[in-house]
Amino acid sequence: MRICDLRQKEVINIKDCKRLGYVCDIEFDRKTGCITHLIVPGTGKICGLFGRDTEYRIPFCRVCQIGPDIILVDIDEGEKPIRDKEK
């Protein structure tokens, strides 16, 4: 599987069945070459327009299954990893 294949898959949280969005980027360990996090953009500022303030940074160990169309992740609402984008 290639990184561009991951970008075409929608990420869904199995805890609450919410759509988180599509993978826009990944983080990986330079030494091992292993994927460490999936980056999914958050919601837009106003009705999905005018850019985004936050993004989901999902640890790859939380990925349950990668299917042909979706990626299932297991994240509790209290620990949902959201961070402000660097400006």
Protein backbone atom coordinates (compact mmCIF):
# COMPACT_ATOMS: atom_id res chain seq x y z
CA MET A 1 0.00 0.00 0.00
CA ARG A 2 1.22 3.48 -0.85
CA ILE A 3 0.73 6.72 1.05
CA CYS A 4 -1.45 8.08 -1.74
CA ASP A 5 -3.76 5.07 -1.15
CA LEU A 6 -4.19 6.12 2.49
CA ARG A 7 -5.19 9.64 1.43
CA GLN A 8 -8.21 8.29 -0.44
CA LYS A 9 -9.64 6.53 2.63
CA GLU A 10 -12.07 8.03 5.13
CA VAL A 11 -11.20 7.73 8.83
CA ILE A 12 -14.01 6.60 11.16
CA ASN A 13 -13.87 6.31 14.95
CA ILE A 14 -15.40 2.99 16.06
CA LYS A 15 -16.18 4.29 19.59
CA ASP A 16 -18.81 6.79 18.44
CA CYS A 17 -19.07 5.97 14.69
CA LYS A 18 -18.15 9.55 13.76
CA ARG A 19 -16.45 10.46 10.52
CA LEU A 20 -13.18 12.22 11.23
CA GLY A 21 -12.34 12.99 7.60
CA TYR A 22 -9.75 11.84 5.10
CA VAL A 23 -6.04 11.32 5.76
CA CYS A 24 -4.11 14.37 4.55
CA ASP A 25 -0.65 13.47 5.82
CA ILE A 26 1.34 10.99 7.91
CA GLU A 27 4.19 11.16 10.41
CA PHE A 28 6.87 8.52 10.44
CA ASP A 29 9.97 7.60 12.39
CA ARG A 30 13.05 8.49 10.34
CA LYS A 31 15.14 5.75 11.89
CA THR A 32 12.74 2.85 11.37
CA GLY A 33 10.63 4.17 8.48
CA CYS A 34 7.45 3.11 10.33
CA ILE A 35 4.30 5.25 10.33
CA THR A 36 3.70 6.77 13.78
CA HIS A 37 0.64 9.01 13.22
CA LEU A 38 -2.10 9.72 10.71
CA ILE A 39 -2.98 13.40 10.25
CA VAL A 40 -6.63 14.20 9.47
CA PRO A 41 -7.75 17.83 9.04
CA GLY A 42 -10.42 19.03 11.46
CA THR A 43 -13.56 20.95 10.59
CA GLY A 44 -13.39 24.32 8.89
CA LYS A 45 -13.70 27.64 10.69
CA ILE A 46 -17.05 28.68 9.20
CA CYS A 47 -19.21 25.97 7.57
CA GLY A 48 -16.10 24.15 6.36
CA LEU A 49 -14.69 27.27 4.69
CA PHE A 50 -11.79 29.62 5.35
CA GLY A 51 -9.21 27.09 6.45
CA ARG A 52 -8.87 24.96 9.57
CA ASP A 53 -7.69 25.66 13.10
CA THR A 54 -7.21 22.09 14.27
CA GLU A 55 -6.30 18.67 13.02
CA TYR A 56 -6.51 15.15 14.37
CA ARG A 57 -3.16 13.50 15.07
CA ILE A 58 -4.04 9.82 15.42
CA PRO A 59 -1.41 7.37 16.71
CA PHE A 60 -0.98 4.54 14.21
CA CYS A 61 -1.26 2.01 17.05
CA ARG A 62 -4.95 3.12 17.35
CA VAL A 63 -5.74 1.99 13.79
CA CYS A 64 -7.93 -1.11 14.03
CA GLN A 65 -8.39 -1.96 10.38
CA ILE A 66 -7.63 -0.56 6.96
CA GLY A 67 -10.26 -1.52 4.41
CA PRO A 68 -10.69 -0.76 0.72
CA ASP A 69 -12.58 2.51 1.43
CA ILE A 70 -12.19 3.35 5.14
CA ILE A 71 -9.77 3.29 8.04
CA LEU A 72 -11.25 2.32 11.41
CA VAL A 73 -9.63 3.86 14.50
CA ASP A 74 -10.33 3.34 18.21
CA ILE A 75 -10.18 6.68 20.03
CA ASP A 76 -12.11 7.75 23.14
CA GLU A 77 -13.74 11.18 23.00
CA GLY A 78 -11.75 12.31 26.05
CA GLU A 79 -8.42 11.47 24.47
CA LYS A 80 -9.17 12.56 20.90
CA PRO A 81 -5.83 14.01 19.81
CA ILE A 82 -6.55 17.49 18.46
CA ARG A 83 -3.88 20.11 18.15
CA ASP A 84 -3.67 23.62 16.78
CA LYS A 85 -1.95 23.89 13.45
CA GLU A 86 1.33 25.72 13.44
CA LYS A 87 1.05 29.15 11.83
